[in-house]
Structures are given as structure tokens and as C-alpha cells.
Amino acid sequence: MRPTTLVRLALAGTRTDTARVVLTALSALLASLAGLAALTVLAIPTPLATDENPNRWSEQYHNALLVEPGLRGGTAFALLTLMIPVLALAGQCARLGAPARDRRLAALRLAGATPGQVTRLVVLETGVAALFGTLAGLGVYLIGRESLHRPDARGQLALPTDVLPSTGAVAGVVFGLPVVAALATALMLRTVTTSPLGVSRKAARERGPGPWAGILIGFGVLSFALIDPALARFDDRTEVAWLVPLLFTAGAFAAMIGVVIGTGWISYHCGVLLRRHARRASALLAAGRLMADPWAGSRTFAALLAALILGGGAAAQRAYFATKDQVEREQSRIAGADGGANPFYLSTMDLVDGAIAVAILIATGGLIVALVEGIVARRRAYAALVATGVPRATLARSVAWQALLPAVPAILLALTVGTLLGRGLETEVSAGSGSTLICEATAALCDDPATREQYSRIVYYPEVQRAVPVPLEHLAWLGTGALAAVLVTVGVGLLFLRSSTALDELRAT
């Protein structure tokens, strides 16, 4: 099959297929914008230390998050967190209209296409759509860079529009994301067999998922707990320069994968408990569905759970920085100084919290796509139930049970794991003891060496050790927002239930 034929077939299909391609391209566009923004922050050059600028600040900006070199890493990390829910949204969009696509692939097999050609066709569809999205994202990035380059009266910039990432880094984002999307699609299709009679998946399970996901969660929490002892063990930080990023990255990914996979275990056992104790038809239908496909919860809530893990970790770090700032301010007041610590790190956490809020909104879009796709994909089964006398209200309650029952414990699990990861880095703030000389007189008397000693006294401030509190209020707001997102998703999904339960759907192909 010629490449041009593959491309034409990959972009052909119904309106649902077109919507899938457009949503995949939109997801790639958003991911590329987040990646390019993070690379731009990291590309800001750090000037050499001079007498006028000993801190090596980039004074062409008026935002402290861009001025100070030590804060740019956190800013770039906050931007990169947006890529996680966006990529998960792309995964949800790839499943849109799956039954119709499966029938189209079976028809191609019937027309003489080989299994390898059919697989390449699906992979090419995702890769081309993602490439269109990243190229559009690059165009939006370049246009936005030119339109937002507006220095103020002092010549300072609000955004780093005066720098560009390296060509290799830009190419890595623009062409790397489509490659990753195509490889992920190929990985998901490894258990799929397309024949002229249809598409079958060799992933049927006769029992529910095991609780081994807890091992991944435990490994992630332990990795974060080992970061501080590793830094304390070696006096020379360069000796562990490779170890700390390794522990951080491996721990974060292990915890996220563990929580997402663990949601399958939660869904299955929620279905078992619901079937055991439920008496109404709606709950029994939901229980059967949860037990038959426990991994649906993992696929549906993956982006939301990843955002909540980041949110829980960010809340723990905010509590640490707030406690540290409070201790330093108290010591400053004891020493007679009016000022205190400058909470630049709290400003960075504000940016991280904003990124997490956006991530939750993006994850909500993924939830809506997944729930609507599930309802539309099972429309013949729903229509058959309605034809046999099952009220639509019963089916609506069943969909609500199926979405909300595993969502609540999964949200609690994600927030708990995220908080444990954050507290694994720091659980206590300590400030050393010391003394300072305070002159209690006018500036003239204090500046005069003859009178300074007469009006001066030494103030001693003790060593302070204070435990970092658990940010329960922040976590409660995150959990409430996530649960509200699930409720909104259920409400939107139920709007499609009536049209999907029409008796005409019994003749749908």
C-alpha cells in the first residue's frame, strides 16, 4: 500500500472519525504549547556575576519567577505538568468512535489489507493528527511570541519573548510528540487482532486486577523519602547530582502509575461490594459493568488522578514554604527587624497551583469525552434494555453509580499519595539559633561610634524546629473540585443517554 494511500485512508471516515482527528490535533497543540513554554523559560540566559549584579539575576524581566535563576526550574516544571492531562486527553480522544473504526478496519481487511497495513493505518492516523497539532502549536507559539513582546517604560518584559529555545529542542517537541503518540498507539494495539469478521482484543480477564499496584505506590513514596537522607549522607552535593533526579522521576512516575492502575482494583472491588449489597436494578447494572471492565475507571480518571497527585504534592510543598517563611519572619521580629523572608517560593507555588487548576479543567474535558464515548459505544445495549422495559431513569442512575462509586476512593487515594510524596521531601522546618546587635536610638546616635555601644544590646534568638502541618484545607478544596468535575461530567454524559437509547439504535451498525 502506497504512503499516499495510507494517509488518505487514515484521514477518511465519518464525522466521528473527523472529530477524533481534530481532538487529537488539539491535544497535541496544547501539549506542544506547554512544552515550548517550558523550554523558553529554561532557555533564559543567566548573566555572569558582577559587582552590580552579584546574584546573576536576569533584570530584563519584572517577574521574579523569571528574574531569579533558582526559580526557573519550578516555573518550567509547572508548565510541564500541563502536558500530563493533555496527553491523557489525547489518549481519551483516540478511543472516540472506536466501534465504528473497528468495523471500518474489518472492511479493509475484507478488501485485502494485511494486519500490518491495518495497524500502520491506525498508527498513522494518530501520528499525522498529532503532527498537524504540533505544527499548529508551533505557529501559535511564534505568533504569540511576536504579539506579546511589549517592553514597558523601563524596558522590562512580562514574558521571556526575547529568547528562543534551541532548534533541536523545538524540533524535539514538534516532531517528538507525534512519534510518542504513534508509538503509544502501536503499544495499545499490540493485543488487537483485526480480521475480516471484526476486531477482537486479547485482553479479557477472568478475575479482577490484583492489589500489586500498591507496590508501585510504596516504591514511589519510598523514593521521595530517600531524597533527603541521600543529600544528608553526602557532604558534596555533586556526588548525588544524578541520584536525586533519578529518585524524583522514578518515584513520581511509579506513584502515578500505581494510583492509575490501582483505580482498576478499586473499581472491581467497588463492583463486588455493590453487587453484594445492592437491591435496585440501577446499582446492579453498575456493579456488573464495574466488574466486567474494571480498567475503564483507570482509563477514564487517569488524567484527573495525575493532576490530583501533583496537586497533593504541591499542597505539601506550599505548607513547607509557608511554615519556613513564618519561622523566618518570627526570628526577624525577635532580632528587631521589621521585614521577613521574601516568599518567592510561595509565588512559584502560586504558578504551580494555577497550572494544576488548568490541568484539572483539561482532565474534565477528557472525562467528558470518555463518558460520552462509552455511552455512544454501548448505545445498542442501552436501546435493547429500554426496549425490554427498563426505564431510562434506571439507566441514568446506573451511569452515575458507575462513574461516582470508584471516583470518590480514587480521588482520596490520589490526594493521599500526592501528599505523602510532598511530605517525603520535608516534614520539619528548622532555623538555627544566633544573636544580633540592636541599637535602640536614633540613626545619628547609632552611627556614632562613641554613642553606639551605650544604646546597643545583644538579642539572642533560639533555635526553632517546627513540624510542617498537613494542608487539609487545600486538599479539601482539591478533592471538592475534582468531585465537582466528575459530577459535571456525569451531567453532560446523561444528556447523550436519551438519544443513545432511542429504539432506532437497535438497527445501528
Protein backbone atom coordinates (compact mmCIF):
# COMPACT_ATOMS: atom_id res chain seq x y z
CA MET A 1 0.00 0.00 0.00
CA ARG A 2 1.48 3.34 -1.07
CA PRO A 3 2.15 6.04 1.58
CA THR A 4 -0.29 8.45 -0.08
CA THR A 5 -3.00 5.78 0.08
CA LEU A 6 -2.26 5.19 3.76
CA VAL A 7 -2.54 8.90 4.53
CA ARG A 8 -5.80 9.21 2.58
CA LEU A 9 -7.33 6.22 4.35
CA ALA A 10 -6.06 7.43 7.74
CA LEU A 11 -7.87 10.75 7.35
CA ALA A 12 -11.04 9.25 5.85
CA GLY A 13 -14.14 8.25 7.76
CA THR A 14 -17.32 9.59 9.30
CA ARG A 15 -17.91 12.75 11.29
CA THR A 16 -16.89 10.86 14.41
CA ASP A 17 -13.55 9.98 12.84
CA THR A 18 -13.09 13.62 11.85
CA ALA A 19 -13.87 14.70 15.42
CA ARG A 20 -11.32 12.21 16.73
CA VAL A 21 -8.61 13.58 14.42
CA VAL A 22 -9.47 17.18 15.33
CA LEU A 23 -9.46 16.49 19.09
CA THR A 24 -6.17 14.59 18.82
CA ALA A 25 -4.64 17.51 16.92
CA LEU A 26 -5.99 19.96 19.51
CA SER A 27 -4.48 17.91 22.33
CA ALA A 28 -1.12 17.86 20.54
CA LEU A 29 -1.37 21.64 20.03
CA LEU A 30 -1.89 22.24 23.75
CA ALA A 31 0.90 19.83 24.70
CA SER A 32 3.33 21.48 22.29
CA LEU A 33 2.50 24.94 23.68
CA ALA A 34 3.17 23.75 27.22
CA GLY A 35 6.46 22.11 26.19
CA LEU A 36 7.65 25.13 24.19
CA ALA A 37 6.77 27.49 27.04
CA ALA A 38 8.78 25.39 29.49
CA LEU A 39 11.75 25.25 27.12
CA THR A 40 11.59 29.02 26.68
CA VAL A 41 11.83 29.55 30.44
CA LEU A 42 14.81 27.19 30.63
CA ALA A 43 16.45 28.97 27.68
CA ILE A 44 16.73 32.29 29.57
CA PRO A 45 20.47 33.00 29.80
CA THR A 46 21.98 33.56 33.24
CA PRO A 47 24.37 36.55 33.20
CA LEU A 48 27.81 36.45 34.75
CA ALA A 49 28.23 37.71 38.31
CA THR A 50 29.32 41.34 38.54
CA ASP A 51 29.62 43.92 41.30
CA GLU A 52 26.31 45.44 40.22
CA ASN A 53 24.62 42.03 39.81
CA PRO A 54 26.23 39.54 42.24
CA ASN A 55 23.12 37.30 42.24
CA ARG A 56 23.25 36.84 38.44
CA TRP A 57 19.65 37.98 38.02
CA SER A 58 18.10 38.46 34.58
CA GLU A 59 16.95 42.02 35.11
CA GLN A 60 15.32 42.38 31.69
CA TYR A 61 12.15 40.88 33.25
CA HIS A 62 10.00 42.25 36.04
CA ASN A 63 8.61 38.88 37.15
CA ALA A 64 10.70 37.33 39.96
CA LEU A 65 9.93 33.85 38.63
CA LEU A 66 11.93 34.72 35.51
CA VAL A 67 14.48 37.03 37.11
CA GLU A 68 15.96 34.57 39.61
CA PRO A 69 17.74 31.53 38.10
CA GLY A 70 16.76 29.34 41.05
CA LEU A 71 13.05 29.82 40.41
CA ARG A 72 13.00 29.00 36.71
CA GLY A 73 13.16 25.26 37.28
CA GLY A 74 9.95 25.34 39.31
CA THR A 75 8.31 27.57 36.72
CA ALA A 76 9.24 25.18 33.91
CA PHE A 77 8.03 22.23 35.99
CA ALA A 78 4.67 23.94 36.50
CA LEU A 79 4.33 24.36 32.75
CA LEU A 80 5.34 20.77 32.06
CA THR A 81 2.66 19.50 34.45
CA LEU A 82 0.11 20.72 31.92
CA MET A 83 1.37 18.16 29.41
CA ILE A 84 0.28 15.21 31.55
CA PRO A 85 -3.51 15.81 31.42
CA VAL A 86 -3.25 16.99 27.81
CA LEU A 87 -1.57 13.75 26.74
CA ALA A 88 -4.14 11.78 28.72
CA LEU A 89 -6.86 13.75 26.92
CA ALA A 90 -5.27 12.70 23.63
CA GLY A 91 -5.50 9.09 24.77
CA GLN A 92 -9.18 9.51 25.56
CA CYS A 93 -9.83 11.16 22.19
CA ALA A 94 -8.12 8.26 20.40
CA ARG A 95 -10.89 5.97 21.68
CA LEU A 96 -13.67 8.16 20.29
CA GLY A 97 -15.79 6.23 17.82
CA ALA A 98 -13.81 3.02 18.38
CA PRO A 99 -16.63 0.60 17.37
CA ALA A 100 -17.19 2.34 14.01
CA ARG A 101 -13.46 2.45 13.38
CA ASP A 102 -13.19 -1.25 14.19
CA ARG A 103 -15.85 -2.04 11.58
CA ARG A 104 -14.03 0.12 9.04
CA LEU A 105 -10.77 -1.72 9.72
CA ALA A 106 -12.54 -5.07 9.33
CA ALA A 107 -13.88 -3.89 5.97
CA LEU A 108 -10.36 -3.02 4.88
CA ARG A 109 -9.21 -6.50 5.87
CA LEU A 110 -12.08 -7.93 3.84
CA ALA A 111 -10.89 -5.85 0.87
CA GLY A 112 -7.43 -7.42 1.06
CA ALA A 113 -5.41 -5.31 3.50
CA THR A 114 -2.92 -7.18 5.69
CA PRO A 115 -2.97 -6.97 9.52
CA GLY A 116 0.27 -4.98 9.41
CA GLN A 117 -1.20 -2.46 6.97
CA VAL A 118 -4.28 -2.01 9.15
CA THR A 119 -2.10 -1.42 12.22
CA ARG A 120 0.06 1.09 10.35
CA LEU A 121 -3.11 2.84 9.20
CA VAL A 122 -4.30 3.43 12.79
CA VAL A 123 -0.82 4.46 13.95
CA LEU A 124 -0.51 6.86 11.01
CA GLU A 125 -3.89 8.41 11.79
CA THR A 126 -2.74 9.31 15.31
CA GLY A 127 0.73 10.40 14.21
CA VAL A 128 -0.50 12.65 11.37
CA ALA A 129 -3.17 14.23 13.56
CA ALA A 130 -0.61 14.88 16.30
CA LEU A 131 1.85 16.32 13.74
CA PHE A 132 -0.79 18.73 12.44
CA GLY A 133 -1.44 19.77 16.05
CA THR A 134 2.22 20.33 16.96
CA LEU A 135 2.87 22.31 13.77
CA ALA A 136 -0.16 24.46 14.56
CA GLY A 137 1.11 24.80 18.13
CA LEU A 138 4.49 25.99 16.83
CA GLY A 139 2.72 28.58 14.68
CA VAL A 140 0.64 29.81 17.63
CA TYR A 141 3.79 29.97 19.77
CA LEU A 142 5.71 32.07 17.21
CA ILE A 143 2.77 34.40 16.57
CA GLY A 144 2.15 34.80 20.30
CA ARG A 145 5.83 35.49 20.91
CA GLU A 146 5.77 38.39 18.46
CA SER A 147 2.43 39.82 19.61
CA LEU A 148 3.30 39.65 23.33
CA HIS A 149 6.74 41.20 23.01
CA ARG A 150 5.89 44.55 24.61
CA PRO A 151 8.58 46.08 26.87
CA ASP A 152 7.34 48.53 29.49
CA ALA A 153 8.65 52.03 30.12
CA ARG A 154 11.74 50.62 31.85
CA GLY A 155 12.41 48.20 29.01
CA GLN A 156 11.43 45.15 31.06
CA LEU A 157 9.32 42.28 29.74
CA ALA A 158 6.47 40.38 31.35
CA LEU A 159 7.25 37.17 29.42
CA PRO A 160 10.51 35.77 28.01
CA THR A 161 9.67 36.80 24.45
CA ASP A 162 13.28 37.86 23.81
CA VAL A 163 14.64 34.29 23.85
CA LEU A 164 14.00 31.16 21.83
CA PRO A 165 14.77 27.55 22.68
CA SER A 166 17.41 25.82 20.61
CA THR A 167 16.41 24.45 17.23
CA GLY A 168 16.98 20.91 18.44
CA ALA A 169 14.72 21.42 21.46
CA VAL A 170 11.93 22.89 19.31
CA ALA A 171 12.25 20.05 16.81
CA GLY A 172 12.21 17.55 19.66
CA VAL A 173 8.83 18.88 20.82
CA VAL A 174 7.26 19.38 17.38
CA PHE A 175 8.33 16.02 15.97
CA GLY A 176 8.83 14.08 19.18
CA LEU A 177 5.24 14.34 20.41
CA PRO A 178 3.75 12.79 17.22
CA VAL A 179 6.31 9.98 17.42
CA VAL A 180 5.41 9.34 21.05
CA ALA A 181 1.70 9.38 20.16
CA ALA A 182 2.24 6.91 17.31
CA LEU A 183 4.34 4.60 19.48
CA ALA A 184 1.74 4.72 22.24
CA THR A 185 -0.94 3.78 19.72
CA ALA A 186 1.14 0.87 18.46
CA LEU A 187 1.65 -0.27 22.06
CA MET A 188 -2.08 -0.17 22.74
CA LEU A 189 -2.75 -2.18 19.57
CA ARG A 190 -0.34 -4.98 20.46
CA THR A 191 -3.20 -7.16 21.77
CA VAL A 192 -5.64 -6.27 18.97
CA THR A 193 -6.31 -8.64 16.11
CA THR A 194 -8.14 -7.33 13.05
CA SER A 195 -9.81 -9.92 10.85
CA PRO A 196 -12.37 -9.64 8.02
CA LEU A 197 -15.01 -10.64 10.57
CA GLY A 198 -14.21 -7.87 13.01
CA VAL A 199 -11.79 -6.69 15.66
CA SER A 200 -11.01 -8.73 18.75
CA ARG A 201 -8.87 -7.91 21.76
CA LYS A 202 -6.86 -10.49 23.63
CA ALA A 203 -7.26 -8.68 26.92
CA ALA A 204 -10.20 -10.45 28.51
CA ARG A 205 -9.76 -11.10 32.23
CA GLU A 206 -11.44 -13.84 34.17
CA ARG A 207 -10.74 -12.23 37.52
CA GLY A 208 -10.31 -8.76 38.88
CA PRO A 209 -7.00 -6.91 38.99
CA GLY A 210 -4.65 -7.71 41.83
CA PRO A 211 -3.55 -5.25 44.51
CA TRP A 212 0.06 -5.23 43.28
CA ALA A 213 -0.33 -1.57 42.29
CA GLY A 214 0.34 -0.84 45.97
CA ILE A 215 3.94 -1.95 45.37
CA LEU A 216 4.41 0.85 42.83
CA ILE A 217 2.85 3.39 45.19
CA GLY A 218 5.09 2.23 48.04
CA PHE A 219 8.15 2.44 45.79
CA GLY A 220 7.24 5.99 44.79
CA VAL A 221 6.74 7.16 48.36
CA LEU A 222 9.95 5.45 49.47
CA SER A 223 11.92 7.09 46.64
CA PHE A 224 10.84 10.54 47.76
CA ALA A 225 11.59 9.70 51.39
CA LEU A 226 15.16 8.73 50.42
CA ILE A 227 15.96 12.07 48.74
CA ASP A 228 16.63 14.00 51.96
CA PRO A 229 18.76 11.23 53.58
CA ALA A 230 20.74 10.95 50.35
CA LEU A 231 21.52 14.66 50.43
CA ALA A 232 22.45 14.48 54.11
CA ARG A 233 24.64 11.41 53.58
CA PHE A 234 26.97 13.13 51.13
CA ASP A 235 28.59 16.43 52.03
CA ASP A 236 29.44 17.10 48.40
CA ARG A 237 26.15 17.56 46.56
CA THR A 238 27.80 16.82 43.23
CA GLU A 239 28.20 13.19 44.29
CA VAL A 240 24.42 12.74 44.28
CA ALA A 241 23.65 15.07 41.40
CA TRP A 242 22.46 12.08 39.36
CA LEU A 243 20.75 10.27 42.24
CA VAL A 244 18.26 12.94 43.29
CA PRO A 245 16.69 13.45 39.82
CA LEU A 246 16.56 9.68 39.40
CA LEU A 247 14.74 9.17 42.71
CA PHE A 248 12.40 12.08 41.99
CA THR A 249 11.49 10.98 38.46
CA ALA A 250 11.23 7.26 39.19
CA GLY A 251 9.22 7.86 42.36
CA ALA A 252 6.78 10.27 40.72
CA PHE A 253 6.09 8.02 37.73
CA ALA A 254 5.84 4.88 39.88
CA ALA A 255 3.33 6.57 42.19
CA MET A 256 1.24 7.90 39.30
CA ILE A 257 1.18 4.55 37.51
CA GLY A 258 0.37 2.81 40.78
CA VAL A 259 -2.58 5.09 41.51
CA VAL A 260 -3.95 4.81 37.97
CA ILE A 261 -3.62 1.03 37.94
CA GLY A 262 -4.92 0.85 41.49
CA THR A 263 -8.11 2.51 40.30
CA GLY A 264 -8.83 -0.68 38.37
CA TRP A 265 -8.56 -2.65 41.62
CA ILE A 266 -10.82 -0.10 43.34
CA SER A 267 -13.39 -0.28 40.53
CA TYR A 268 -13.54 -4.07 40.59
CA HIS A 269 -13.98 -4.34 44.36
CA CYS A 270 -16.49 -1.50 44.40
CA GLY A 271 -18.46 -3.54 41.88
CA VAL A 272 -18.17 -6.64 44.09
CA LEU A 273 -19.42 -4.78 47.17
CA LEU A 274 -22.20 -3.08 45.22
CA ARG A 275 -23.43 -6.36 43.74
CA ARG A 276 -23.38 -7.96 47.18
CA HIS A 277 -25.39 -5.26 48.95
CA ALA A 278 -27.42 -3.54 46.20
CA ARG A 279 -31.10 -4.26 45.69
CA ARG A 280 -32.05 -1.86 42.90
CA ALA A 281 -31.62 -2.54 39.21
CA SER A 282 -29.52 0.60 38.58
CA ALA A 283 -26.93 -0.35 41.19
CA LEU A 284 -26.82 -3.97 39.99
CA LEU A 285 -26.27 -2.84 36.39
CA ALA A 286 -23.44 -0.57 37.53
CA ALA A 287 -21.90 -3.36 39.61
CA GLY A 288 -21.87 -5.73 36.67
CA ARG A 289 -20.29 -3.13 34.43
CA LEU A 290 -17.59 -2.28 37.00
CA MET A 291 -16.69 -5.94 37.40
CA ALA A 292 -16.76 -6.66 33.66
CA ASP A 293 -14.42 -3.78 32.77
CA PRO A 294 -12.61 -2.55 35.91
CA TRP A 295 -9.93 -0.85 33.81
CA ALA A 296 -12.46 1.61 32.41
CA GLY A 297 -12.05 3.65 35.59
CA SER A 298 -8.27 3.71 35.17
CA ARG A 299 -8.58 4.92 31.59
CA THR A 300 -11.26 7.46 32.40
CA PHE A 301 -9.73 9.02 35.52
CA ALA A 302 -6.05 8.79 34.50
CA ALA A 303 -5.59 12.50 33.71
CA LEU A 304 -7.60 13.67 36.71
CA LEU A 305 -5.73 11.40 39.11
CA ALA A 306 -2.35 12.53 37.76
CA ALA A 307 -3.36 16.16 38.29
CA LEU A 308 -4.53 15.40 41.83
CA ILE A 309 -1.25 13.66 42.71
CA LEU A 310 0.61 16.77 41.56
CA GLY A 311 -1.88 18.90 43.47
CA GLY A 312 -1.37 16.95 46.69
CA GLY A 313 2.41 17.18 46.37
CA ALA A 314 2.20 20.91 45.61
CA ALA A 315 -0.04 21.45 48.64
CA ALA A 316 2.51 19.72 50.88
CA GLN A 317 5.33 21.84 49.46
CA ARG A 318 3.29 25.02 49.88
CA ALA A 319 2.74 24.12 53.54
CA TYR A 320 6.51 23.66 53.94
CA PHE A 321 7.37 27.01 52.33
CA ALA A 322 4.66 28.80 54.33
CA THR A 323 5.96 27.31 57.59
CA LYS A 324 9.54 28.23 56.70
CA ASP A 325 8.51 31.78 55.84
CA GLN A 326 6.61 32.07 59.14
CA VAL A 327 9.61 30.86 61.19
CA GLU A 328 11.99 33.25 59.45
CA ARG A 329 9.63 36.16 59.98
CA GLU A 330 9.34 35.35 63.68
CA GLN A 331 13.11 35.28 64.06
CA SER A 332 13.36 38.56 62.17
CA ARG A 333 10.91 40.18 64.59
CA ILE A 334 12.85 38.85 67.59
CA ALA A 335 16.01 40.29 66.09
CA GLY A 336 14.30 43.67 65.78
CA ALA A 337 13.91 43.69 62.03
CA ASP A 338 10.61 44.71 60.51
CA GLY A 339 10.98 42.65 57.37
CA GLY A 340 10.97 38.94 56.91
CA ALA A 341 11.66 36.31 54.37
CA ASN A 342 10.74 37.15 50.81
CA PRO A 343 8.27 34.43 49.80
CA PHE A 344 9.47 33.94 46.23
CA TYR A 345 8.92 30.21 46.54
CA LEU A 346 5.31 30.86 47.50
CA SER A 347 4.98 32.84 44.27
CA THR A 348 6.29 29.82 42.39
CA MET A 349 3.74 27.64 44.17
CA ASP A 350 1.00 30.05 43.04
CA LEU A 351 2.04 29.33 39.45
CA VAL A 352 2.09 25.58 40.14
CA ASP A 353 -1.39 25.75 41.68
CA GLY A 354 -2.65 27.65 38.64
CA ALA A 355 -1.17 25.03 36.34
CA ILE A 356 -2.84 22.27 38.37
CA ALA A 357 -6.20 24.06 38.18
CA VAL A 358 -5.85 24.24 34.40
CA ALA A 359 -4.83 20.57 34.37
CA ILE A 360 -7.99 19.62 36.26
CA LEU A 361 -10.08 21.55 33.73
CA ILE A 362 -8.35 19.74 30.86
CA ALA A 363 -8.83 16.43 32.65
CA THR A 364 -12.53 17.25 32.97
CA GLY A 365 -12.68 17.53 29.18
CA GLY A 366 -11.09 14.09 28.96
CA LEU A 367 -13.66 12.71 31.40
CA ILE A 368 -16.49 14.08 29.29
CA VAL A 369 -15.04 12.57 26.12
CA ALA A 370 -14.55 9.18 27.80
CA LEU A 371 -18.02 9.04 29.35
CA VAL A 372 -19.80 10.16 26.18
CA GLU A 373 -17.77 7.70 24.11
CA GLY A 374 -18.73 4.87 26.49
CA ILE A 375 -22.42 5.73 26.28
CA VAL A 376 -22.38 6.03 22.49
CA ALA A 377 -20.36 2.81 22.09
CA ARG A 378 -22.95 0.86 24.13
CA ARG A 379 -25.99 2.51 22.61
CA ARG A 380 -27.33 -0.75 21.14
CA ALA A 381 -27.18 -2.44 24.56
CA TYR A 382 -28.88 0.54 26.20
CA ALA A 383 -31.55 0.64 23.48
CA ALA A 384 -32.18 -3.09 23.96
CA LEU A 385 -32.66 -2.57 27.71
CA VAL A 386 -35.13 0.25 27.07
CA ALA A 387 -36.98 -1.94 24.53
CA THR A 388 -37.36 -4.66 27.18
CA GLY A 389 -38.92 -2.21 29.64
CA VAL A 390 -36.00 -0.78 31.62
CA PRO A 391 -36.75 2.92 32.38
CA ARG A 392 -34.26 5.47 31.12
CA ALA A 393 -34.04 6.87 34.67
CA THR A 394 -32.69 3.50 35.82
CA LEU A 395 -30.01 3.60 33.14
CA ALA A 396 -29.14 7.18 34.12
CA ARG A 397 -28.70 6.20 37.76
CA SER A 398 -26.62 3.23 36.64
CA VAL A 399 -24.26 5.52 34.70
CA ALA A 400 -24.00 7.80 37.74
CA TRP A 401 -23.23 4.85 40.04
CA GLN A 402 -20.61 3.58 37.63
CA ALA A 403 -18.82 6.95 37.47
CA LEU A 404 -19.10 8.14 41.07
CA LEU A 405 -18.55 4.93 43.03
CA PRO A 406 -14.89 4.38 42.05
CA ALA A 407 -14.21 8.12 41.68
CA VAL A 408 -14.51 9.01 45.39
CA PRO A 409 -11.94 6.48 46.74
CA ALA A 410 -9.69 7.08 43.73
CA ILE A 411 -9.67 10.84 44.43
CA LEU A 412 -8.85 10.22 48.09
CA LEU A 413 -6.08 7.81 47.12
CA ALA A 414 -4.53 10.26 44.64
CA LEU A 415 -4.56 13.14 47.14
CA THR A 416 -3.11 10.93 49.87
CA VAL A 417 -0.28 9.66 47.66
CA GLY A 418 0.50 13.17 46.41
CA THR A 419 0.64 14.49 49.97
CA LEU A 420 2.91 11.62 51.06
CA LEU A 421 5.24 12.37 48.15
CA GLY A 422 5.42 16.04 49.09
CA ARG A 423 5.92 15.34 52.79
CA GLY A 424 8.58 12.78 51.93
CA LEU A 425 10.82 15.68 50.96
CA GLU A 426 10.36 17.82 54.07
CA THR A 427 8.28 17.34 57.22
CA GLU A 428 10.04 19.79 59.54
CA VAL A 429 11.39 23.33 59.38
CA SER A 430 14.41 24.25 61.48
CA ALA A 431 16.16 27.58 61.95
CA GLY A 432 19.44 27.86 63.82
CA SER A 433 20.00 29.95 66.92
CA GLY A 434 22.03 33.14 66.83
CA SER A 435 22.40 36.65 68.09
CA THR A 436 22.25 40.13 66.68
CA LEU A 437 23.22 43.59 67.88
CA ILE A 438 20.34 46.08 68.10
CA CYS A 439 20.80 49.81 68.56
CA GLU A 440 17.78 51.44 70.20
CA ALA A 441 18.37 55.08 69.37
CA THR A 442 18.26 57.50 66.50
CA ALA A 443 20.24 56.86 63.37
CA ALA A 444 22.75 59.60 64.27
CA LEU A 445 23.49 58.08 67.69
CA CYS A 446 23.72 54.57 66.28
CA ASP A 447 26.11 55.70 63.54
CA ASP A 448 28.38 57.48 66.00
CA PRO A 449 30.98 55.00 67.37
CA ALA A 450 31.15 56.97 70.64
CA THR A 451 27.46 56.53 71.47
CA ARG A 452 26.60 53.34 69.60
CA GLU A 453 27.66 50.99 72.40
CA GLN A 454 25.64 52.92 75.01
CA TYR A 455 22.37 52.31 73.19
CA SER A 456 23.09 48.85 71.82
CA ARG A 457 22.18 45.48 73.21
CA ILE A 458 22.58 41.89 72.06
CA VAL A 459 19.44 39.94 71.29
CA TYR A 460 19.62 36.16 71.26
CA TYR A 461 17.10 34.13 69.33
CA PRO A 462 16.70 30.41 69.97
CA GLU A 463 16.83 27.50 67.58
CA VAL A 464 13.39 26.73 66.20
CA GLN A 465 12.09 23.39 64.95
CA ARG A 466 8.53 23.28 63.74
CA ALA A 467 6.59 20.47 62.12
CA VAL A 468 5.02 21.17 58.75
CA PRO A 469 1.23 20.82 59.09
CA VAL A 470 -0.83 18.68 56.76
CA PRO A 471 -2.62 21.07 54.35
CA LEU A 472 -6.09 19.66 55.00
CA GLU A 473 -7.94 22.75 53.78
CA HIS A 474 -6.02 22.86 50.50
CA LEU A 475 -6.56 19.14 49.98
CA ALA A 476 -10.26 19.51 50.74
CA TRP A 477 -10.58 22.17 48.03
CA LEU A 478 -8.76 19.95 45.54
CA GLY A 479 -10.96 16.98 46.37
CA THR A 480 -14.11 19.07 46.14
CA GLY A 481 -13.06 20.47 42.77
CA ALA A 482 -12.28 17.00 41.43
CA LEU A 483 -15.60 15.60 42.64
CA ALA A 484 -17.41 18.58 41.10
CA ALA A 485 -15.63 17.83 37.81
CA VAL A 486 -16.88 14.24 37.94
CA LEU A 487 -20.43 15.42 38.67
CA VAL A 488 -20.32 17.83 35.74
CA THR A 489 -19.04 15.01 33.55
CA VAL A 490 -21.90 12.74 34.60
CA GLY A 491 -24.42 15.51 33.92
CA VAL A 492 -23.05 16.13 30.43
CA GLY A 493 -22.90 12.41 29.69
CA LEU A 494 -26.52 11.90 30.66
CA LEU A 495 -27.54 14.43 28.02
CA PHE A 496 -26.41 11.91 25.40
CA LEU A 497 -28.20 9.00 27.06
CA ARG A 498 -31.66 9.77 25.69
CA SER A 499 -30.52 9.95 22.08
CA SER A 500 -28.43 6.80 22.56
CA THR A 501 -31.38 4.82 23.94
CA ALA A 502 -33.75 5.51 21.06
CA LEU A 503 -35.22 2.31 19.65
CA ASP A 504 -33.82 3.20 16.23
CA GLU A 505 -30.37 2.40 17.66
CA LEU A 506 -31.29 -1.28 17.57
CA ARG A 507 -30.73 -1.11 13.81
CA ALA A 508 -27.39 0.75 14.21
CA THR A 509 -24.35 -0.86 12.64
